[in-house]
PDB file of N, CA and C in Angstrom:
ATOM      1  N   ARG A   1      91.330  66.353  53.176  1.00  0.00           N
ATOM      2  CA  ARG A   1      90.418  67.082  53.918  1.00  0.00           C
ATOM      3  C   ARG A   1      89.027  67.284  53.140  1.00  0.00           C
ATOM      4  N   ASN A   2      87.922  66.994  53.708  1.00  0.00           N
ATOM      5  CA  ASN A   2      86.663  67.116  52.857  1.00  0.00           C
ATOM      6  C   ASN A   2      86.507  68.508  52.437  1.00  0.00           C
ATOM      7  N   SER A   3      86.901  69.473  53.191  1.00  0.00           N
ATOM      8  CA  SER A   3      86.662  70.890  52.829  1.00  0.00           C
ATOM      9  C   SER A   3      87.521  71.320  51.719  1.00  0.00           C
ATOM     10  N   GLY A   4      88.418  70.589  51.178  1.00  0.00           N
ATOM     11  CA  GLY A   4      89.204  71.019  50.126  1.00  0.00           C
ATOM     12  C   GLY A   4      90.389  71.891  50.559  1.00  0.00           C
ATOM     13  N   GLU A   5      90.710  72.071  51.828  1.00  0.00           N
ATOM     14  CA  GLU A   5      91.824  72.842  52.209  1.00  0.00           C
ATOM     15  C   GLU A   5      93.112  72.252  51.701  1.00  0.00           C
ATOM     16  N   ILE A   6      94.095  73.057  51.580  1.00  0.00           N
ATOM     17  CA  ILE A   6      95.313  72.584  51.004  1.00  0.00           C
ATOM     18  C   ILE A   6      96.287  72.279  52.155  1.00  0.00           C
ATOM     19  N   ILE A   7      96.837  71.278  52.186  1.00  0.00           N
ATOM     20  CA  ILE A   7      97.916  70.891  53.247  1.00  0.00           C
ATOM     21  C   ILE A   7      99.200  71.055  52.566  1.00  0.00           C
ATOM     22  N   VAL A   8     100.046  71.749  53.283  1.00  0.00           N
ATOM     23  CA  VAL A   8     101.431  72.011  52.925  1.00  0.00           C
ATOM     24  C   VAL A   8     102.398  71.339  53.937  1.00  0.00           C
ATOM     25  N   ALA A   9     103.425  70.575  53.437  1.00  0.00           N
ATOM     26  CA  ALA A   9     104.318  69.764  54.326  1.00  0.00           C
ATOM     27  C   ALA A   9     105.730  69.835  54.101  1.00  0.00           C
ATOM     28  N   GLY A  10     106.537  69.615  55.102  1.00  0.00           N
ATOM     29  CA  GLY A  10     108.059  69.605  54.924  1.00  0.00           C
ATOM     30  C   GLY A  10     108.569  70.307  56.057  1.00  0.00           C
ATOM     31  N   GLY A  11     109.913  70.239  56.234  1.00  0.00           N
ATOM     32  CA  GLY A  11     110.552  70.832  57.391  1.00  0.00           C
ATOM     33  C   GLY A  11     110.721  70.016  58.594  1.00  0.00           C
ATOM     34  N   SER A  12     110.750  70.506  59.862  1.00  0.00           N
ATOM     35  CA  SER A  12     111.227  69.845  60.895  1.00  0.00           C
ATOM     36  C   SER A  12     110.083  68.731  61.484  1.00  0.00           C
ATOM     37  N   ASP A  13     108.786  69.114  61.126  1.00  0.00           N
ATOM     38  CA  ASP A  13     107.810  68.250  61.742  1.00  0.00           C
ATOM     39  C   ASP A  13     107.430  67.110  60.849  1.00  0.00           C
ATOM     40  N   ARG A  14     107.734  67.336  59.484  1.00  0.00           N
ATOM     41  CA  ARG A  14     107.347  66.106  58.476  1.00  0.00           C
ATOM     42  C   ARG A  14     108.361  66.322  57.459  1.00  0.00           C
ATOM     43  N   PHE A  15     108.941  65.280  57.022  1.00  0.00           N
ATOM     44  CA  PHE A  15     110.067  65.229  55.982  1.00  0.00           C
ATOM     45  C   PHE A  15     111.244  66.105  56.231  1.00  0.00           C
ATOM     46  N   ARG A  16     111.804  65.750  57.337  1.00  0.00           N
ATOM     47  CA  ARG A  16     113.063  66.408  57.668  1.00  0.00           C
ATOM     48  C   ARG A  16     114.273  66.483  56.720  1.00  0.00           C
ATOM     49  N   GLY A  17     114.744  67.558  56.536  1.00  0.00           N
ATOM     50  CA  GLY A  17     115.805  67.739  55.482  1.00  0.00           C
ATOM     51  C   GLY A  17     115.217  68.371  54.283  1.00  0.00           C
ATOM     52  N   ARG A  18     114.011  68.511  54.123  1.00  0.00           N
ATOM     53  CA  ARG A  18     113.306  69.053  53.092  1.00  0.00           C
ATOM     54  C   ARG A  18     112.703  70.380  53.398  1.00  0.00           C
ATOM     55  N   GLU A  19     112.675  71.291  52.506  1.00  0.00           N
ATOM     56  CA  GLU A  19     112.087  72.742  52.839  1.00  0.00           C
ATOM     57  C   GLU A  19     110.501  72.727  53.041  1.00  0.00           C
ATOM     58  N   TRP A  20     110.035  73.533  53.860  1.00  0.00           N
ATOM     59  CA  TRP A  20     108.680  73.642  54.017  1.00  0.00           C
ATOM     60  C   TRP A  20     107.926  73.875  52.661  1.00  0.00           C
ATOM     61  N   GLY A  21     106.964  73.273  52.282  1.00  0.00           N
ATOM     62  CA  GLY A  21     106.387  73.335  51.113  1.00  0.00           C
ATOM     63  C   GLY A  21     106.730  72.400  49.976  1.00  0.00           C
ATOM     64  N   THR A  22     107.561  71.408  50.331  1.00  0.00           N
ATOM     65  CA  THR A  22     108.075  70.487  49.320  1.00  0.00           C
ATOM     66  C   THR A  22     106.985  69.713  48.734  1.00  0.00           C
ATOM     67  N   ILE A  23     105.908  69.286  49.613  1.00  0.00           N
ATOM     68  CA  ILE A  23     104.930  68.563  49.244  1.00  0.00           C
ATOM     69  C   ILE A  23     103.539  69.208  49.490  1.00  0.00           C
ATOM     70  N   ILE A  24     102.576  69.175  48.691  1.00  0.00           N
ATOM     71  CA  ILE A  24     101.381  69.982  48.793  1.00  0.00           C
ATOM     72  C   ILE A  24     100.275  69.117  48.165  1.00  0.00           C
ATOM     73  N   GLY A  25      99.008  69.154  48.874  1.00  0.00           N
ATOM     74  CA  GLY A  25      97.849  68.558  48.210  1.00  0.00           C
ATOM     75  C   GLY A  25      96.657  68.944  49.227  1.00  0.00           C
ATOM     76  N   ASN A  26      95.491  68.233  48.731  1.00  0.00           N
ATOM     77  CA  ASN A  26      94.380  68.404  49.697  1.00  0.00           C
ATOM     78  C   ASN A  26      93.979  66.945  50.166  1.00  0.00           C
ATOM     79  N   GLU A  27      94.788  65.855  49.892  1.00  0.00           N
ATOM     80  CA  GLU A  27      94.837  64.598  50.500  1.00  0.00           C
ATOM     81  C   GLU A  27      96.256  64.164  50.699  1.00  0.00           C
ATOM     82  N   ILE A  28      96.655  63.983  51.986  1.00  0.00           N
ATOM     83  CA  ILE A  28      98.069  63.536  52.319  1.00  0.00           C
ATOM     84  C   ILE A  28      98.178  62.452  53.335  1.00  0.00           C
ATOM     85  N   ALA A  29      98.903  61.533  53.139  1.00  0.00           N
ATOM     86  CA  ALA A  29      99.380  60.408  54.027  1.00  0.00           C
ATOM     87  C   ALA A  29     100.869  60.507  54.211  1.00  0.00           C
ATOM     88  N   TYR A  30     101.297  60.320  55.662  1.00  0.00           N
ATOM     89  CA  TYR A  30     102.632  60.382  55.809  1.00  0.00           C
ATOM     90  C   TYR A  30     102.946  59.460  57.049  1.00  0.00           C
ATOM     91  N   GLY A  31     104.291  58.991  57.148  1.00  0.00           N
ATOM     92  CA  GLY A  31     104.693  58.348  58.294  1.00  0.00           C
ATOM     93  C   GLY A  31     106.057  58.465  58.509  1.00  0.00           C
ATOM     94  N   SER A  32     106.426  58.432  59.910  1.00  0.00           N
ATOM     95  CA  SER A  32     107.731  58.576  60.304  1.00  0.00           C
ATOM     96  C   SER A  32     108.287  57.597  61.348  1.00  0.00           C
ATOM     97  N   ALA A  33     109.481  56.984  61.177  1.00  0.00           N
ATOM     98  CA  ALA A  33     110.135  56.142  62.149  1.00  0.00           C
ATOM     99  C   ALA A  33     111.278  56.691  62.518  1.00  0.00           C
ATOM    100  N   GLU A  34     111.586  56.738  63.927  1.00  0.00           N
ATOM    101  CA  GLU A  34     112.872  57.133  64.447  1.00  0.00           C
ATOM    102  C   GLU A  34     113.232  56.460  65.555  1.00  0.00           C
ATOM    103  N   LEU A  35     114.751  56.231  65.544  1.00  0.00           N
ATOM    104  CA  LEU A  35     115.378  55.621  66.610  1.00  0.00           C
ATOM    105  C   LEU A  35     116.215  56.563  67.245  1.00  0.00           C
ATOM    106  N   ARG A  36     116.079  56.697  68.643  1.00  0.00           N
ATOM    107  CA  ARG A  36     116.870  57.727  69.483  1.00  0.00           C
ATOM    108  C   ARG A  36     117.792  56.684  70.446  1.00  0.00           C
ATOM    109  N   PHE A  37     119.087  57.201  70.563  1.00  0.00           N
ATOM    110  CA  PHE A  37     119.885  56.580  71.542  1.00  0.00           C
ATOM    111  C   PHE A  37     120.845  57.709  72.168  1.00  0.00           C
ATOM    112  N   PRO A  38     121.321  57.331  73.433  1.00  0.00           N
ATOM    113  CA  PRO A  38     122.009  58.167  74.135  1.00  0.00           C
ATOM    114  C   PRO A  38     123.558  58.367  73.556  1.00  0.00           C
ATOM    115  N   LEU A  39     123.950  59.408  73.569  1.00  0.00           N
ATOM    116  CA  LEU A  39     125.595  59.662  73.120  1.00  0.00           C
ATOM    117  C   LEU A  39     126.136  60.221  74.463  1.00  0.00           C
ATOM    118  N   VAL A  40     125.853  61.282  75.121  1.00  0.00           N
ATOM    119  CA  VAL A  40     126.481  61.938  76.188  1.00  0.00           C
ATOM    120  C   VAL A  40     125.508  62.334  77.131  1.00  0.00           C
ATOM    121  N   ASP A  41     125.496  61.963  78.477  1.00  0.00           N
ATOM    122  CA  ASP A  41     124.501  62.369  79.351  1.00  0.00           C
ATOM    123  C   ASP A  41     124.711  63.811  79.882  1.00  0.00           C
ATOM    124  N   GLY A  42     125.976  64.323  79.620  1.00  0.00           N
ATOM    125  CA  GLY A  42     126.233  65.624  80.088  1.00  0.00           C
ATOM    126  C   GLY A  42     127.688  66.055  79.884  1.00  0.00           C
ATOM    127  N   VAL A  43     127.839  67.298  79.763  1.00  0.00           N
ATOM    128  CA  VAL A  43     129.096  67.858  79.525  1.00  0.00           C
ATOM    129  C   VAL A  43     129.382  68.895  80.732  1.00  0.00           C
ATOM    130  N   ILE A  44     130.251  68.793  81.462  1.00  0.00           N
ATOM    131  CA  ILE A  44     130.515  69.655  82.656  1.00  0.00           C
ATOM    132  C   ILE A  44     131.774  70.625  82.358  1.00  0.00           C
ATOM    133  N   PHE A  45     131.414  71.806  82.578  1.00  0.00           N
ATOM    134  CA  PHE A  45     132.382  72.922  82.332  1.00  0.00           C
ATOM    135  C   PHE A  45     133.004  73.314  83.687  1.00  0.00           C
ATOM    136  N   ALA A  46     134.186  74.120  83.570  1.00  0.00           N
ATOM    137  CA  ALA A  46     134.828  74.523  84.771  1.00  0.00           C
ATOM    138  C   ALA A  46     133.781  75.390  85.548  1.00  0.00           C
ATOM    139  N   GLY A  47     133.819  75.161  86.796  1.00  0.00           N
ATOM    140  CA  GLY A  47     132.814  75.920  87.656  1.00  0.00           C
ATOM    141  C   GLY A  47     131.560  75.120  87.942  1.00  0.00           C
ATOM    142  N   GLY A  48     131.484  73.938  87.375  1.00  0.00           N
ATOM    143  CA  GLY A  48     130.459  72.975  87.666  1.00  0.00           C
ATOM    144  C   GLY A  48     129.161  73.263  86.895  1.00  0.00           C
ATOM    145  N   MET A  49     129.266  74.166  85.962  1.00  0.00           N
ATOM    146  CA  MET A  49     128.178  74.311  84.922  1.00  0.00           C
ATOM    147  C   MET A  49     128.120  73.199  84.011  1.00  0.00           C
ATOM    148  N   GLY A  50     126.939  72.704  83.562  1.00  0.00           N
ATOM    149  CA  GLY A  50     126.838  71.539  82.581  1.00  0.00           C
ATOM    150  C   GLY A  50     125.761  71.668  81.741  1.00  0.00           C
ATOM    151  N   VAL A  51     125.821  70.859  80.562  1.00  0.00           N
ATOM    152  CA  VAL A  51     124.646  70.848  79.545  1.00  0.00           C
ATOM    153  C   VAL A  51     124.531  69.447  79.278  1.00  0.00           C
ATOM    154  N   GLY A  52     123.408  69.083  78.680  1.00  0.00           N
ATOM    155  CA  GLY A  52     123.108  67.758  78.291  1.00  0.00           C
ATOM    156  C   GLY A  52     121.766  67.348  78.651  1.00  0.00           C
ATOM    157  N   PRO A  53     121.309  66.326  78.247  1.00  0.00           N
ATOM    158  CA  PRO A  53     121.854  65.258  77.543  1.00  0.00           C
ATOM    159  C   PRO A  53     121.938  65.442  76.070  1.00  0.00           C
ATOM    160  N   PHE A  54     122.964  64.704  75.317  1.00  0.00           N
ATOM    161  CA  PHE A  54     122.858  64.752  73.902  1.00  0.00           C
ATOM    162  C   PHE A  54     122.544  63.305  73.501  1.00  0.00           C
ATOM    163  N   ARG A  55     121.603  63.311  72.321  1.00  0.00           N
ATOM    164  CA  ARG A  55     121.186  62.049  71.866  1.00  0.00           C
ATOM    165  C   ARG A  55     121.241  62.066  70.403  1.00  0.00           C
ATOM    166  N   GLY A  56     121.544  60.679  69.884  1.00  0.00           N
ATOM    167  CA  GLY A  56     121.739  60.593  68.536  1.00  0.00           C
ATOM    168  C   GLY A  56     120.453  59.991  67.966  1.00  0.00           C
ATOM    169  N   LEU A  57     120.161  60.236  66.764  1.00  0.00           N
ATOM    170  CA  LEU A  57     118.775  59.775  66.122  1.00  0.00           C
ATOM    171  C   LEU A  57     119.025  59.310  64.652  1.00  0.00           C
ATOM    172  N   LEU A  58     118.424  58.247  64.307  1.00  0.00           N
ATOM    173  CA  LEU A  58     118.207  57.717  62.868  1.00  0.00           C
ATOM    174  C   LEU A  58     116.795  57.913  62.582  1.00  0.00           C
ATOM    175  N   PHE A  59     116.520  58.309  61.356  1.00  0.00           N
ATOM    176  CA  PHE A  59     114.943  58.496  60.966  1.00  0.00           C
ATOM    177  C   PHE A  59     114.738  58.194  59.457  1.00  0.00           C
ATOM    178  N   VAL A  60     113.450  57.823  59.245  1.00  0.00           N
ATOM    179  CA  VAL A  60     112.966  57.656  57.906  1.00  0.00           C
ATOM    180  C   VAL A  60     111.618  58.378  57.935  1.00  0.00           C
ATOM    181  N   ASP A  61     111.299  59.323  56.909  1.00  0.00           N
ATOM    182  CA  ASP A  61     109.995  59.834  56.826  1.00  0.00           C
ATOM    183  C   ASP A  61     109.528  59.640  55.366  1.00  0.00           C
ATOM    184  N   ALA A  62     108.339  59.260  55.184  1.00  0.00           N
ATOM    185  CA  ALA A  62     107.732  58.949  53.808  1.00  0.00           C
ATOM    186  C   ALA A  62     106.250  59.522  53.714  1.00  0.00           C
ATOM    187  N   GLY A  63     105.949  59.878  52.567  1.00  0.00           N
ATOM    188  CA  GLY A  63     104.617  60.409  52.310  1.00  0.00           C
ATOM    189  C   GLY A  63     103.993  60.439  50.988  1.00  0.00           C
ATOM    190  N   VAL A  64     102.832  60.625  50.764  1.00  0.00           N
ATOM    191  CA  VAL A  64     102.211  60.854  49.542  1.00  0.00           C
ATOM    192  C   VAL A  64     101.084  61.961  49.582  1.00  0.00           C
ATOM    193  N   ALA A  65     100.977  62.723  48.491  1.00  0.00           N
ATOM    194  CA  ALA A  65     100.122  63.867  48.585  1.00  0.00           C
ATOM    195  C   ALA A  65      99.411  63.826  47.157  1.00  0.00           C
ATOM    196  N   ARG A  66      98.203  64.356  47.004  1.00  0.00           N
ATOM    197  CA  ARG A  66      97.626  64.475  45.806  1.00  0.00           C
ATOM    198  C   ARG A  66      96.369  65.536  45.937  1.00  0.00           C
ATOM    199  N   PHE A  67      95.975  66.039  44.822  1.00  0.00           N
ATOM    200  CA  PHE A  67      94.743  66.884  44.782  1.00  0.00           C
ATOM    201  C   PHE A  67      93.685  65.975  44.295  1.00  0.00           C
ATOM    202  N   ARG A  68      92.750  65.752  45.192  1.00  0.00           N
ATOM    203  CA  ARG A  68      91.482  65.005  44.784  1.00  0.00           C
ATOM    204  C   ARG A  68      90.725  65.770  43.832  1.00  0.00           C
ATOM    205  N   GLY A  69      90.324  64.977  42.696  1.00  0.00           N
ATOM    206  CA  GLY A  69      89.397  65.494  41.545  1.00  0.00           C
ATOM    207  C   GLY A  69      90.205  66.386  40.549  1.00  0.00           C
ATOM    208  N   GLU A  70      91.439  66.615  40.762  1.00  0.00           N
ATOM    209  CA  GLU A  70      92.273  67.268  39.889  1.00  0.00           C
ATOM    210  C   GLU A  70      93.180  66.401  39.048  1.00  0.00           C
ATOM    211  N   ASN A  71      93.677  66.875  37.900  1.00  0.00           N
ATOM    212  CA  ASN A  71      94.451  66.102  36.997  1.00  0.00           C
ATOM    213  C   ASN A  71      96.122  66.312  37.364  1.00  0.00           C
ATOM    214  N   PHE A  72      96.406  66.591  38.531  1.00  0.00           N
ATOM    215  CA  PHE A  72      97.871  66.710  38.860  1.00  0.00           C
ATOM    216  C   PHE A  72      98.409  65.343  39.315  1.00  0.00           C
ATOM    217  N   PRO A  73      99.575  65.195  39.006  1.00  0.00           N
ATOM    218  CA  PRO A  73     100.316  63.905  39.518  1.00  0.00           C
ATOM    219  C   PRO A  73     100.398  63.729  40.972  1.00  0.00           C
ATOM    220  N   VAL A  74     100.379  62.481  41.415  1.00  0.00           N
ATOM    221  CA  VAL A  74     100.566  62.204  42.728  1.00  0.00           C
ATOM    222  C   VAL A  74     102.076  62.452  43.170  1.00  0.00           C
ATOM    223  N   GLN A  75     102.182  63.142  44.283  1.00  0.00           N
ATOM    224  CA  GLN A  75     103.581  63.422  44.783  1.00  0.00           C
ATOM    225  C   GLN A  75     103.882  62.454  45.841  1.00  0.00           C
ATOM    226  N   LYS A  76     105.201  61.867  45.630  1.00  0.00           N
ATOM    227  CA  LYS A  76     105.813  60.942  46.565  1.00  0.00           C
ATOM    228  C   LYS A  76     107.043  61.520  47.140  1.00  0.00           C
ATOM    229  N   ILE A  77     107.354  61.282  48.465  1.00  0.00           N
ATOM    230  CA  ILE A  77     108.531  61.796  49.032  1.00  0.00           C
ATOM    231  C   ILE A  77     109.003  60.847  50.088  1.00  0.00           C
ATOM    232  N   LYS A  78     110.320  60.747  50.170  1.00  0.00           N
ATOM    233  CA  LYS A  78     111.003  59.895  51.205  1.00  0.00           C
ATOM    234  C   LYS A  78     112.343  60.627  51.657  1.00  0.00           C
ATOM    235  N   THR A  79     112.432  60.792  52.949  1.00  0.00           N
ATOM    236  CA  THR A  79     113.763  61.327  53.429  1.00  0.00           C
ATOM    237  C   THR A  79     114.227  60.321  54.564  1.00  0.00           C
ATOM    238  N   TYR A  80     115.591  60.337  54.696  1.00  0.00           N
ATOM    239  CA  TYR A  80     116.086  59.455  55.694  1.00  0.00           C
ATOM    240  C   TYR A  80     117.506  60.226  56.081  1.00  0.00           C
ATOM    241  N   GLY A  81     117.913  59.890  57.385  1.00  0.00           N
ATOM    242  CA  GLY A  81     119.170  60.557  57.687  1.00  0.00           C
ATOM    243  C   GLY A  81     119.566  60.109  59.175  1.00  0.00           C
ATOM    244  N   ALA A  82     120.374  60.860  59.706  1.00  0.00           N
ATOM    245  CA  ALA A  82     120.852  60.655  61.120  1.00  0.00           C
ATOM    246  C   ALA A  82     121.040  62.140  61.622  1.00  0.00           C
ATOM    247  N   GLY A  83     121.085  62.311  62.946  1.00  0.00           N
ATOM    248  CA  GLY A  83     121.279  63.557  63.676  1.00  0.00           C
ATOM    249  C   GLY A  83     121.820  63.455  65.030  1.00  0.00           C
ATOM    250  N   ILE A  84     121.968  64.634  65.526  1.00  0.00           N
ATOM    251  CA  ILE A  84     122.237  64.845  67.017  1.00  0.00           C
ATOM    252  C   ILE A  84     121.361  65.775  67.570  1.00  0.00           C
ATOM    253  N   GLU A  85     120.721  65.346  68.725  1.00  0.00           N
ATOM    254  CA  GLU A  85     119.725  66.217  69.384  1.00  0.00           C
ATOM    255  C   GLU A  85     120.153  66.684  70.710  1.00  0.00           C
ATOM    256  N   PHE A  86     120.027  67.862  70.972  1.00  0.00           N
ATOM    257  CA  PHE A  86     120.143  68.520  72.327  1.00  0.00           C
ATOM    258  C   PHE A  86     119.002  69.480  72.594  1.00  0.00           C
ATOM    259  N   LYS A  87     117.926  68.956  73.338  1.00  0.00           N
ATOM    260  CA  LYS A  87     116.715  69.745  73.514  1.00  0.00           C
ATOM    261  C   LYS A  87     116.932  71.167  73.757  1.00  0.00           C
ATOM    262  N   PRO A  88     116.343  72.048  73.074  1.00  0.00           N
ATOM    263  CA  PRO A  88     115.333  71.979  71.942  1.00  0.00           C
ATOM    264  C   PRO A  88     115.928  72.009  70.468  1.00  0.00           C
ATOM    265  N   PHE A  89     117.075  71.562  70.377  1.00  0.00           N
ATOM    266  CA  PHE A  89     117.751  71.765  69.126  1.00  0.00           C
ATOM    267  C   PHE A  89     118.101  70.480  68.517  1.00  0.00           C
ATOM    268  N   GLN A  90     118.012  70.264  67.125  1.00  0.00           N
ATOM    269  CA  GLN A  90     118.412  69.212  66.320  1.00  0.00           C
ATOM    270  C   GLN A  90     119.340  69.602  65.161  1.00  0.00           C
ATOM    271  N   MET A  91     120.313  68.787  65.004  1.00  0.00           N
ATOM    272  CA  MET A  91     121.230  69.078  63.721  1.00  0.00           C
ATOM    273  C   MET A  91     121.151  67.575  63.204  1.00  0.00           C
ATOM    274  N   ILE A  92     120.520  67.675  61.975  1.00  0.00           N
ATOM    275  CA  ILE A  92     120.499  66.403  61.122  1.00  0.00           C
ATOM    276  C   ILE A  92     121.256  66.508  59.912  1.00  0.00           C
ATOM    277  N   TRP A  93     121.428  65.307  59.256  1.00  0.00           N
ATOM    278  CA  TRP A  93     121.998  65.192  57.924  1.00  0.00           C
ATOM    279  C   TRP A  93     121.038  64.289  57.111  1.00  0.00           C
ATOM    280  N   ALA A  94     120.352  64.808  56.275  1.00  0.00           N
ATOM    281  CA  ALA A  94     119.267  64.090  55.620  1.00  0.00           C
ATOM    282  C   ALA A  94     119.705  63.992  54.055  1.00  0.00           C
ATOM    283  N   ARG A  95     119.424  62.943  53.526  1.00  0.00           N
ATOM    284  CA  ARG A  95     119.677  62.633  51.921  1.00  0.00           C
ATOM    285  C   ARG A  95     118.750  63.650  51.239  1.00  0.00           C
ATOM    286  N   GLN A  96     119.277  64.466  50.364  1.00  0.00           N
ATOM    287  CA  GLN A  96     118.508  65.325  49.484  1.00  0.00           C
ATOM    288  C   GLN A  96     118.195  64.759  48.282  1.00  0.00           C
ATOM    289  N   SER A  97     117.401  65.222  47.369  1.00  0.00           N
ATOM    290  CA  SER A  97     116.922  64.632  46.139  1.00  0.00           C
ATOM    291  C   SER A  97     118.144  64.602  45.128  1.00  0.00           C
ATOM    292  N   SER A  98     119.191  65.396  45.330  1.00  0.00           N
ATOM    293  CA  SER A  98     120.476  65.255  44.581  1.00  0.00           C
ATOM    294  C   SER A  98     121.229  63.970  44.927  1.00  0.00           C
ATOM    295  N   GLY A  99     120.966  63.311  46.010  1.00  0.00           N
ATOM    296  CA  GLY A  99     121.694  62.195  46.369  1.00  0.00           C
ATOM    297  C   GLY A  99     122.718  62.488  47.398  1.00  0.00           C
ATOM    298  N   LYS A 100     122.994  63.634  47.742  1.00  0.00           N
ATOM    299  CA  LYS A 100     124.071  64.098  48.792  1.00  0.00           C
ATOM    300  C   LYS A 100     123.302  64.323  50.178  1.00  0.00           C
ATOM    301  N   PHE A 101     124.121  63.987  51.184  1.00  0.00           N
ATOM    302  CA  PHE A 101     123.617  64.337  52.614  1.00  0.00           C
ATOM    303  C   PHE A 101     123.965  65.758  52.915  1.00  0.00           C
ATOM    304  N   ALA A 102     123.019  66.485  53.468  1.00  0.00           N
ATOM    305  CA  ALA A 102     123.221  67.990  53.723  1.00  0.00           C
ATOM    306  C   ALA A 102     122.682  68.190  55.199  1.00  0.00           C
ATOM    307  N   PRO A 103     123.473  69.217  55.972  1.00  0.00           N
ATOM    308  CA  PRO A 103     123.107  69.422  57.237  1.00  0.00           C
ATOM    309  C   PRO A 103     121.887  70.329  57.429  1.00  0.00           C
ATOM    310  N   THR A 104     120.990  70.200  58.373  1.00  0.00           N
ATOM    311  CA  THR A 104     119.972  71.096  58.605  1.00  0.00           C
ATOM    312  C   THR A 104     119.803  71.194  60.137  1.00  0.00           C
ATOM    313  N   PHE A 105     119.612  72.517  60.482  1.00  0.00           N
ATOM    314  CA  PHE A 105     119.357  72.767  61.991  1.00  0.00           C
ATOM    315  C   PHE A 105     117.959  73.180  62.220  1.00  0.00           C
ATOM    316  N   TYR A 106     117.412  72.534  63.240  1.00  0.00           N
ATOM    317  CA  TYR A 106     116.083  72.893  63.664  1.00  0.00           C
ATOM    318  C   TYR A 106     116.039  73.075  65.141  1.00  0.00           C
ATOM    319  N   TYR A 107     114.951  74.024  65.395  1.00  0.00           N
ATOM    320  CA  TYR A 107     114.465  74.329  66.808  1.00  0.00           C
ATOM    321  C   TYR A 107     113.186  73.469  67.000  1.00  0.00           C
ATOM    322  N   THR A 108     113.148  72.554  67.878  1.00  0.00           N
ATOM    323  CA  THR A 108     111.985  71.632  67.867  1.00  0.00           C
ATOM    324  C   THR A 108     111.230  71.721  69.278  1.00  0.00           C
ATOM    325  N   PHE A 109     110.112  71.131  69.312  1.00  0.00           N
ATOM    326  CA  PHE A 109     109.211  70.963  70.466  1.00  0.00           C
ATOM    327  C   PHE A 109     108.895  69.481  70.592  1.00  0.00           C
ATOM    328  N   GLY A 110     109.777  68.704  70.184  1.00  0.00           N
ATOM    329  CA  GLY A 110     109.492  67.211  70.431  1.00  0.00           C
ATOM    330  C   GLY A 110     109.509  66.779  71.763  1.00  0.00           C
ATOM    331  N   TRP A 111     109.209  65.410  72.021  1.00  0.00           N
ATOM    332  CA  TRP A 111     109.227  64.775  73.287  1.00  0.00           C
ATOM    333  C   TRP A 111     110.447  64.271  73.545  1.00  0.00           C
TER     334      TRP A 111
END
């Protein structure tokens, strides 16, 4: 941003599986690719009440951030994983910086 505002990213909207504030800078570039697929269209309980649909997802998020005009190192981040979605909730398993997959629960406003 030309104004020098600081951009903070992480969490459910960018870099899933990482905490909010994982990457910070006044210049940032990021991308996300996601594949969604149907798992179960609905679960019907006794009495005719049902919930659904449930969807599976595979994702990759990547980005770079830096502070323009400062002597800080460029920050790079990449996350990937899989999950189950039941709008408006997501349960994902993303690879952490430690190399292990950890579950994360999100309340989302996605499409």
